[in-house]
Every structure is written in C-alpha cells, then in structure tokens.
Amino acid sequence: MSSNLYDAHRQWCIRPPDERFHDLDTLHAFTQRLKDASEEKVRGLPEVHLDVTGHSGIALSGSEEPAILTNWSFNQLCTAVGAPAKYLRTLPPETVIECLRHSLDKRDTQAKLLFRNGTGDRVVSAFTGPKYGRIWDADVVASLKDAVEGTGWRVPPARNNGSSDNAGLYASDRDMFAFFVNDENPIEIGNAKLGRGFFCWNSETGSCTFGLTTFLYNYVCGNHIVWGAEQVQELKIVHRSKAIDRFRSDALPALNRFVENRMATEAITRGVDQAARLKVGDDLDKVTEWFKEKPFTGSEIIAGWRIGRNEGDDVSTLWGMVQGLTAYARQLPHTDARVNLERRAGTLLKNIN
C-alpha cells in the first residue's frame, strides 16, 4: 500500500526558528532543561486560587509562589471546568477569575499541575487530570539518541523554509517531533528500492499523544514530504496512568527493532513475497470472485484491477491488486474515503496466512 506522508512536512512549514534544532544533542539539552525546571503537583480544584498579574494576565496564587497560566494551560483549565476559553478571553481578567472561581468551587475533583521555573516568571505549563501519565520529552529524545547513535540513521536534508535551515528536529515548551531516515541497504519490493524512516513525537503538557510511525519510502523531498511510503505502522500511547510503562515496554522495543532492521526487514520481505505469489485470478471475473467475501465493492475491485494493470502491476496477484486499489484510492477526492480504502487494502497484506 503506497501513500504519501505529510507529518514532517507540516512541522517543516509551521515551526519558528527557535523550535528548530540542528542535532539530537541540542534537542536533548533543550528538553532536559525544561524537565529539570519542572515540578508536578496534584491539587483539588476547589484549592486552586486565581489572581490577576501585573500584566493583566491570570496566575495561580495561594499558599505558594504565584505561577502564571500560559495560553495552553488556561485552555486546559477551562476544559476541566467546562468553561468557554475563547469567550473568556474577551472579558476583563477580574471577570474571568470570578467565572472560573464559581466553576472550580463546584468541582470536587483533582488536577495535576505542571509548574516550570525558568529565567522569567514561574508558569503553569499544563493543567491535566490527576491520572495523567507524563512521558517527558527529554526521555523520548534520550531514547532516540541511544537508538540511532553510531548507525546510518540521519535527519533527511531539507530546503530553507524562509526562517531556518534546521529541519526534522523540533521542540517547544509543549511538544517535540523528530524525523529520521536510513537509505543504507535499501529494501527491494518489486522493482523499487525503498529506504526506511520514522516519525517520533510527544507532548509532556497534554497537547498530543506519544507516537511512533515507521515506514518504508521511495523519496523524501526538500520540504519533507515522504513520497511512496509503504508498510506504514503507527503506535500511539495516550498519556494515562500507565503511559510511562507502555513507553518502556512497547514503544522503545518497537523503535529499536525497526532501527536495527533485521527482524523488520525479514518480516516485510516475507509478507511482500507471499502477496506477490498469491494468485487471486487470471482475469477480472476470477479476481472479482476471489474478493467476493472481502470488504470491497464491485466498483472498487474493477477500478483497482484496471488501474493496476495500466500501471504495469501483475493484478493476477494479491500484491498487484493491493497496488491497484491504493492507486485508485489516491484518485478519490475526499480524504476520509481515500484513507478508508487504503486501510482496507493494507489489511489484505496483514491477513496473509
């Protein structure tokens, strides 16, 4: 199943210069400084006291040093009490505090707060549920360093996007993202020689899950679009109470296996070979009969068979039909329909006996 991946491209487009890093060492130093300056505390919502800062902002106050709410943590606080953050931002801070105070007093629940002490004011970087399982960005980056150090893995080159030459490694006070490829010893699938790549991302403030996407690819262009991706696999970990355990038991072994390549390459090659040998029919009627119990419409089978044949694929095999179906999916105008068909086609490869 071939597709194009745009995750790294979006990061390349939107990240400002101060969120771009030249290498893993500087990325790790940045995220480690944030971790070292952080402190987690669990509080009952009725115990959360708010006050107006000297700059007409809103801060947590009470029995300890005041901490200014960031835009992100303010949004999370509003979500926790069911208040409309966008509307509250149009009101005077005194009125906002009065509204939030009313809601906080009625909530007999707790929140986990992430405080940070930097060179400026003390801030509240995150306002999450009490069972939020924080995976630190610094720990993710340290694991990446351990996995790729001394290997052929590298950040692919990119064009200057108008603000910085640095691309592929990103972090802010809310999240991180890394993009690596390895085109040494490419994997041969049919007539193509594919490199390996992965995206890894995380947020220690609750703005996204932890995620790892691995894939084979044909080409990465200068604005970090991944062209001709195959065998795309994604692992996500929601930041719940057992998140750090899953990071260690599931994510790190998956990353290391893919980086080391041995088992992954054997499995991918074996699956493709099986699909290429599995005959589904010598003509359209027999192919349609083979797909009779599969979750595809008749028009999808006909379109996949015709497009695959026109593109030179052997549509008498499962591999050729999967290529034809995904080629047809790329022509669909609506994203949800396209993704749905690509996933169904990919399932065919996973279910080979």
Protein backbone atom coordinates (compact mmCIF):
# COMPACT_ATOMS: atom_id res chain seq x y z
CA MET A 1 0.00 0.00 0.00
CA SER A 2 1.70 3.16 -1.21
CA SER A 3 0.87 6.62 0.12
CA ASN A 4 2.46 10.00 0.78
CA LEU A 5 3.12 11.17 4.35
CA TYR A 6 2.83 14.82 5.30
CA ASP A 7 3.52 14.80 9.07
CA ALA A 8 7.10 16.04 8.76
CA HIS A 9 6.10 18.50 6.04
CA ARG A 10 3.60 20.17 8.37
CA GLN A 11 6.29 20.54 11.01
CA TRP A 12 8.68 21.97 8.40
CA CYS A 13 6.03 24.54 7.43
CA ILE A 14 4.92 25.83 10.84
CA ARG A 15 7.84 25.69 13.25
CA PRO A 16 9.53 29.03 14.05
CA PRO A 17 13.35 29.26 14.19
CA ASP A 18 13.58 28.88 17.97
CA GLU A 19 11.78 25.49 17.79
CA ARG A 20 14.21 24.01 15.23
CA PHE A 21 17.33 22.09 16.22
CA HIS A 22 20.46 21.11 14.36
CA ASP A 23 21.05 17.74 16.03
CA LEU A 24 19.84 15.42 18.78
CA ASP A 25 22.37 16.77 21.28
CA THR A 26 20.98 20.30 21.15
CA LEU A 27 17.41 18.99 21.09
CA HIS A 28 18.10 16.87 24.16
CA ALA A 29 19.78 19.74 26.00
CA PHE A 30 16.70 21.92 25.42
CA THR A 31 14.17 19.31 26.53
CA GLN A 32 16.30 18.30 29.52
CA ARG A 33 16.43 21.92 30.73
CA LEU A 34 12.63 22.03 30.63
CA LYS A 35 12.38 18.77 32.57
CA ASP A 36 14.88 19.91 35.19
CA ALA A 37 12.92 23.14 35.70
CA SER A 38 9.59 21.29 36.10
CA GLU A 39 7.59 20.20 39.12
CA GLU A 40 4.34 18.21 39.25
CA LYS A 41 1.69 18.80 41.91
CA VAL A 42 -1.81 17.37 42.36
CA ARG A 43 -4.44 19.73 43.73
CA GLY A 44 -8.15 19.63 44.35
CA LEU A 45 -9.94 22.06 42.06
CA PRO A 46 -11.54 23.97 44.97
CA GLU A 47 -7.97 24.58 46.23
CA VAL A 48 -6.94 26.32 43.01
CA HIS A 49 -6.75 30.06 43.69
CA LEU A 50 -6.50 32.62 40.89
CA ASP A 51 -5.31 36.20 40.83
CA VAL A 52 -4.59 38.95 38.29
CA THR A 53 -0.93 39.53 37.42
CA GLY A 54 0.70 42.91 36.92
CA HIS A 55 0.35 42.47 33.14
CA SER A 56 -3.40 41.75 33.33
CA GLY A 57 -2.77 38.06 32.99
CA ILE A 58 -4.08 35.29 35.24
CA ALA A 59 -1.94 33.39 37.75
CA LEU A 60 -2.38 30.65 40.31
CA SER A 61 -1.82 32.01 43.78
CA GLY A 62 -2.44 30.88 47.34
CA SER A 63 -0.01 29.28 49.74
CA GLU A 64 2.99 29.25 47.38
CA GLU A 65 4.77 31.41 44.84
CA PRO A 66 2.37 32.65 42.11
CA ALA A 67 2.57 30.93 38.73
CA ILE A 68 1.25 32.48 35.51
CA LEU A 69 -1.11 30.43 33.38
CA THR A 70 0.12 30.01 29.80
CA ASN A 71 -2.38 30.14 26.94
CA TRP A 72 -2.21 26.36 26.77
CA SER A 73 -2.75 25.69 30.49
CA PHE A 74 -5.54 28.30 30.56
CA ASN A 75 -7.31 26.34 27.82
CA GLN A 76 -6.86 23.12 29.81
CA LEU A 77 -8.21 24.75 32.98
CA CYS A 78 -11.27 25.98 31.09
CA THR A 79 -11.82 22.49 29.67
CA ALA A 80 -11.55 20.98 33.15
CA VAL A 81 -14.38 23.16 34.48
CA GLY A 82 -16.46 23.26 31.29
CA ALA A 83 -15.87 26.96 30.58
CA PRO A 84 -15.56 28.51 27.07
CA ALA A 85 -11.92 29.64 26.84
CA LYS A 86 -12.40 31.62 23.63
CA TYR A 87 -15.22 33.68 25.13
CA LEU A 88 -13.47 34.21 28.47
CA ARG A 89 -10.50 35.74 26.66
CA THR A 90 -12.77 38.61 25.59
CA LEU A 91 -13.59 39.52 29.21
CA PRO A 92 -11.61 41.53 31.79
CA PRO A 93 -9.34 39.25 33.87
CA GLU A 94 -11.26 40.04 37.07
CA THR A 95 -14.47 38.79 35.45
CA VAL A 96 -12.70 35.70 34.11
CA ILE A 97 -11.45 34.83 37.58
CA GLU A 98 -14.92 35.27 39.07
CA CYS A 99 -16.40 32.91 36.45
CA LEU A 100 -13.68 30.29 36.92
CA ARG A 101 -13.85 30.54 40.71
CA HIS A 102 -17.56 29.74 40.59
CA SER A 103 -16.87 26.65 38.47
CA LEU A 104 -13.84 25.50 40.48
CA ASP A 105 -15.73 25.59 43.76
CA LYS A 106 -18.36 23.24 42.37
CA ARG A 107 -15.88 20.62 41.10
CA ASP A 108 -14.96 18.04 43.73
CA THR A 109 -12.14 16.60 41.63
CA GLN A 110 -8.39 16.94 41.34
CA ALA A 111 -5.95 18.16 38.71
CA LYS A 112 -2.28 17.51 38.03
CA LEU A 113 -0.39 20.77 37.51
CA LEU A 114 2.99 21.13 35.82
CA PHE A 115 4.96 24.12 37.13
CA ARG A 116 8.10 25.45 35.48
CA ASN A 117 10.71 27.82 36.88
CA GLY A 118 12.64 29.50 34.11
CA THR A 119 14.69 32.65 33.73
CA GLY A 120 11.49 34.72 33.90
CA ASP A 121 8.21 34.16 35.72
CA ARG A 122 7.13 30.88 37.21
CA VAL A 123 4.46 29.40 34.95
CA VAL A 124 1.84 26.66 34.88
CA SER A 125 2.71 24.73 31.70
CA ALA A 126 -0.04 22.11 31.95
CA PHE A 127 -3.33 21.61 33.77
CA THR A 128 -4.36 17.97 33.29
CA GLY A 129 -6.37 15.25 35.02
CA PRO A 130 -4.93 13.65 38.16
CA LYS A 131 -4.15 10.36 36.37
CA TYR A 132 -2.27 11.99 33.51
CA GLY A 133 0.75 9.78 32.73
CA ARG A 134 3.52 12.18 31.77
CA ILE A 135 6.16 10.94 29.33
CA TRP A 136 8.93 13.55 29.38
CA ASP A 137 10.11 14.89 26.03
CA ALA A 138 13.69 14.67 27.30
CA ASP A 139 13.31 10.93 27.94
CA VAL A 140 11.96 10.39 24.42
CA VAL A 141 14.87 12.30 22.88
CA ALA A 142 17.39 10.42 25.05
CA SER A 143 15.91 7.14 23.81
CA LEU A 144 16.22 8.34 20.21
CA LYS A 145 19.89 9.17 20.80
CA ASP A 146 20.54 5.70 22.20
CA ALA A 147 18.73 4.06 19.28
CA VAL A 148 20.36 5.88 16.34
CA GLU A 149 23.85 6.70 17.66
CA GLY A 150 26.55 5.10 15.53
CA THR A 151 24.06 3.92 12.87
CA GLY A 152 23.17 5.05 9.36
CA TRP A 153 20.08 6.87 10.58
CA ARG A 154 20.01 10.60 9.91
CA VAL A 155 17.69 13.57 9.53
CA PRO A 156 16.99 13.99 5.79
CA PRO A 157 18.17 17.27 4.24
CA ALA A 158 15.59 20.00 3.71
CA ARG A 159 15.28 23.34 1.99
CA ASN A 160 15.37 26.57 3.96
CA ASN A 161 11.73 27.38 4.64
CA GLY A 162 12.41 31.11 4.91
CA SER A 163 13.23 31.15 8.59
CA SER A 164 15.89 28.50 9.25
CA ASP A 165 17.99 25.76 7.65
CA ASN A 166 17.29 23.45 10.59
CA ALA A 167 14.55 20.91 9.89
CA GLY A 168 13.46 17.48 11.06
CA LEU A 169 14.07 18.01 14.79
CA TYR A 170 11.65 20.27 16.63
CA ALA A 171 10.64 21.11 20.19
CA SER A 172 8.86 23.81 22.17
CA ASP A 173 7.66 24.13 25.75
CA ARG A 174 4.68 22.00 24.68
CA ASP A 175 5.93 19.17 22.45
CA MET A 176 8.66 17.58 20.32
CA PHE A 177 8.90 15.90 16.91
CA ALA A 178 11.72 14.01 15.19
CA PHE A 179 12.10 12.68 11.63
CA PHE A 180 14.79 10.14 10.69
CA VAL A 181 15.58 8.09 7.60
CA ASN A 182 18.06 5.41 6.60
CA ASP A 183 18.71 4.67 2.93
CA GLU A 184 21.65 2.33 3.52
CA ASN A 185 20.90 -1.26 2.47
CA PRO A 186 17.50 -0.43 0.91
CA ILE A 187 14.72 -3.00 0.92
CA GLU A 188 13.72 -4.27 -2.51
CA ILE A 189 9.98 -4.57 -3.19
CA GLY A 190 9.24 -5.44 -6.79
CA ASN A 191 11.27 -3.06 -8.93
CA ALA A 192 11.60 -0.44 -6.17
CA LYS A 193 14.37 0.04 -3.63
CA LEU A 194 12.93 1.59 -0.50
CA GLY A 195 14.65 3.25 2.42
CA ARG A 196 13.39 3.20 5.99
CA GLY A 197 12.09 6.11 8.01
CA PHE A 198 10.22 7.03 11.16
CA PHE A 199 8.50 9.92 12.90
CA CYS A 200 8.53 10.17 16.68
CA TRP A 201 6.57 12.77 18.63
CA ASN A 202 5.41 13.53 22.16
CA SER A 203 3.95 16.18 24.41
CA GLU A 204 4.60 16.34 28.14
CA THR A 205 1.89 19.01 28.51
CA GLY A 206 -1.03 17.08 27.02
CA SER A 207 -1.20 18.66 23.56
CA CYS A 208 -0.78 15.29 21.79
CA THR A 209 -0.12 11.61 22.44
CA PHE A 210 3.24 9.88 22.28
CA GLY A 211 3.56 8.45 18.79
CA LEU A 212 5.90 6.42 16.61
CA THR A 213 5.27 5.95 12.88
CA THR A 214 7.60 3.64 10.93
CA PHE A 215 7.58 3.22 7.16
CA LEU A 216 9.47 2.35 4.02
CA TYR A 217 9.74 5.15 1.48
CA ASN A 218 10.67 5.87 -2.10
CA TYR A 219 11.79 9.50 -1.80
CA VAL A 220 11.88 12.44 0.66
CA CYS A 221 11.78 15.87 -0.97
CA GLY A 222 13.26 19.14 0.28
CA ASN A 223 10.11 20.17 2.12
CA HIS A 224 9.98 16.81 3.94
CA ILE A 225 7.07 15.17 2.15
CA VAL A 226 7.59 11.40 2.20
CA TRP A 227 6.69 10.03 -1.24
CA GLY A 228 5.73 6.43 -1.94
CA ALA A 229 5.50 5.22 1.66
CA GLU A 230 4.87 1.50 2.17
CA GLN A 231 4.29 -0.68 5.24
CA VAL A 232 3.27 2.30 7.39
CA GLN A 233 2.87 1.25 11.02
CA GLU A 234 1.81 3.56 13.85
CA LEU A 235 1.99 3.17 17.62
CA LYS A 236 0.25 5.72 19.85
CA ILE A 237 0.28 5.94 23.63
CA VAL A 238 -2.31 8.12 25.34
CA HIS A 239 -0.95 9.83 28.45
CA ARG A 240 -2.88 7.85 31.01
CA SER A 241 -1.68 6.37 34.30
CA LYS A 242 0.27 3.50 32.66
CA ALA A 243 1.69 5.59 29.81
CA ILE A 244 5.30 5.51 31.01
CA ASP A 245 5.13 1.72 31.42
CA ARG A 246 3.84 1.32 27.85
CA PHE A 247 6.54 3.67 26.60
CA ARG A 248 9.17 1.37 28.07
CA SER A 249 7.52 -1.97 27.27
CA ASP A 250 6.03 -1.22 23.83
CA ALA A 251 7.49 1.89 22.22
CA LEU A 252 11.20 1.51 22.97
CA PRO A 253 11.43 -2.14 21.80
CA ALA A 254 9.45 -1.26 18.64
CA LEU A 255 11.79 1.64 17.89
CA ASN A 256 14.93 -0.42 18.48
CA ARG A 257 13.68 -3.33 16.36
CA PHE A 258 12.92 -1.02 13.46
CA VAL A 259 16.23 0.85 13.76
CA GLU A 260 18.19 -2.39 13.89
CA ASN A 261 16.24 -3.51 10.80
CA ARG A 262 16.88 -7.24 10.95
CA MET A 263 13.53 -8.67 12.03
CA ALA A 264 11.56 -5.88 10.36
CA THR A 265 13.24 -6.40 7.00
CA GLU A 266 12.72 -10.14 7.11
CA ALA A 267 9.03 -9.75 8.02
CA ILE A 268 8.39 -7.11 5.35
CA THR A 269 10.17 -9.07 2.64
CA ARG A 270 8.39 -12.27 3.62
CA GLY A 271 4.97 -10.56 3.55
CA VAL A 272 5.56 -8.97 0.16
CA ASP A 273 6.86 -12.21 -1.31
CA GLN A 274 3.77 -14.06 -0.08
CA ALA A 275 1.47 -11.42 -1.54
CA ALA A 276 3.32 -11.48 -4.86
CA ARG A 277 2.97 -15.28 -5.08
CA LEU A 278 -0.68 -15.43 -4.02
CA LYS A 279 -2.81 -15.72 -7.16
CA VAL A 280 -6.27 -14.16 -6.94
CA GLY A 281 -7.37 -14.70 -10.54
CA ASP A 282 -6.20 -14.70 -14.14
CA ASP A 283 -8.95 -12.34 -15.30
CA LEU A 284 -11.34 -9.76 -13.85
CA ASP A 285 -14.16 -12.25 -13.28
CA LYS A 286 -11.95 -14.58 -11.24
CA VAL A 287 -10.43 -11.66 -9.32
CA THR A 288 -13.93 -10.41 -8.50
CA GLU A 289 -14.88 -13.88 -7.31
CA TRP A 290 -11.81 -14.04 -5.03
CA PHE A 291 -12.80 -10.69 -3.47
CA LYS A 292 -16.43 -11.76 -3.01
CA GLU A 293 -16.16 -12.19 0.78
CA LYS A 294 -13.79 -9.23 1.23
CA PRO A 295 -14.93 -5.73 2.36
CA PHE A 296 -14.75 -4.13 -1.10
CA THR A 297 -17.43 -3.02 -3.54
CA GLY A 298 -17.60 -4.31 -7.08
CA SER A 299 -16.72 -0.88 -8.48
CA GLU A 300 -13.64 -0.69 -6.25
CA ILE A 301 -12.42 -4.08 -7.47
CA ILE A 302 -12.94 -3.16 -11.12
CA ALA A 303 -11.21 0.21 -10.69
CA GLY A 304 -8.29 -1.33 -8.78
CA TRP A 305 -7.86 -4.07 -11.38
CA ARG A 306 -7.91 -1.64 -14.32
CA ILE A 307 -5.63 0.98 -12.76
CA GLY A 308 -3.19 -1.64 -11.50
CA ARG A 309 -2.99 -3.24 -14.94
CA ASN A 310 -2.50 0.17 -16.60
CA GLU A 311 0.37 0.95 -14.21
CA GLY A 312 2.12 -2.34 -15.04
CA ASP A 313 1.27 -4.31 -11.87
CA ASP A 314 0.52 -8.02 -12.03
CA VAL A 315 -3.13 -7.78 -10.97
CA SER A 316 -3.47 -11.56 -11.01
CA THR A 317 -1.66 -11.49 -7.63
CA LEU A 318 -2.71 -10.07 -4.27
CA TRP A 319 0.25 -7.67 -4.29
CA GLY A 320 -0.73 -6.30 -7.70
CA MET A 321 -4.36 -5.81 -6.63
CA VAL A 322 -3.32 -4.04 -3.45
CA GLN A 323 -1.19 -1.68 -5.55
CA GLY A 324 -4.12 -1.11 -7.91
CA LEU A 325 -6.57 -0.44 -5.08
CA THR A 326 -4.29 2.06 -3.38
CA ALA A 327 -3.60 3.76 -6.71
CA TYR A 328 -7.36 4.08 -7.16
CA ALA A 329 -7.68 5.42 -3.60
CA ARG A 330 -5.25 8.23 -4.40
CA GLN A 331 -7.66 9.42 -7.10
CA LEU A 332 -10.59 9.77 -4.69
CA PRO A 333 -11.42 13.43 -3.97
CA HIS A 334 -12.43 13.00 -0.32
CA THR A 335 -9.78 12.24 2.31
CA ASP A 336 -11.97 10.01 4.51
CA ALA A 337 -12.90 7.78 1.55
CA ARG A 338 -9.29 7.64 0.38
CA VAL A 339 -7.93 6.67 3.80
CA ASN A 340 -10.70 4.13 4.32
CA LEU A 341 -9.90 2.31 1.08
CA GLU A 342 -6.14 2.42 1.74
CA ARG A 343 -6.64 0.85 5.16
CA ARG A 344 -8.86 -1.91 3.80
CA ALA A 345 -6.28 -2.66 1.11
CA GLY A 346 -3.50 -2.73 3.69
CA THR A 347 -5.47 -5.21 5.80
CA LEU A 348 -5.26 -7.71 2.95
CA LEU A 349 -1.48 -7.87 3.39
CA LYS A 350 -1.71 -8.26 7.18
CA ASN A 351 -4.07 -11.23 6.90
CA ILE A 352 -1.94 -13.41 4.60
CA ASN A 353 -1.69 -16.92 6.01
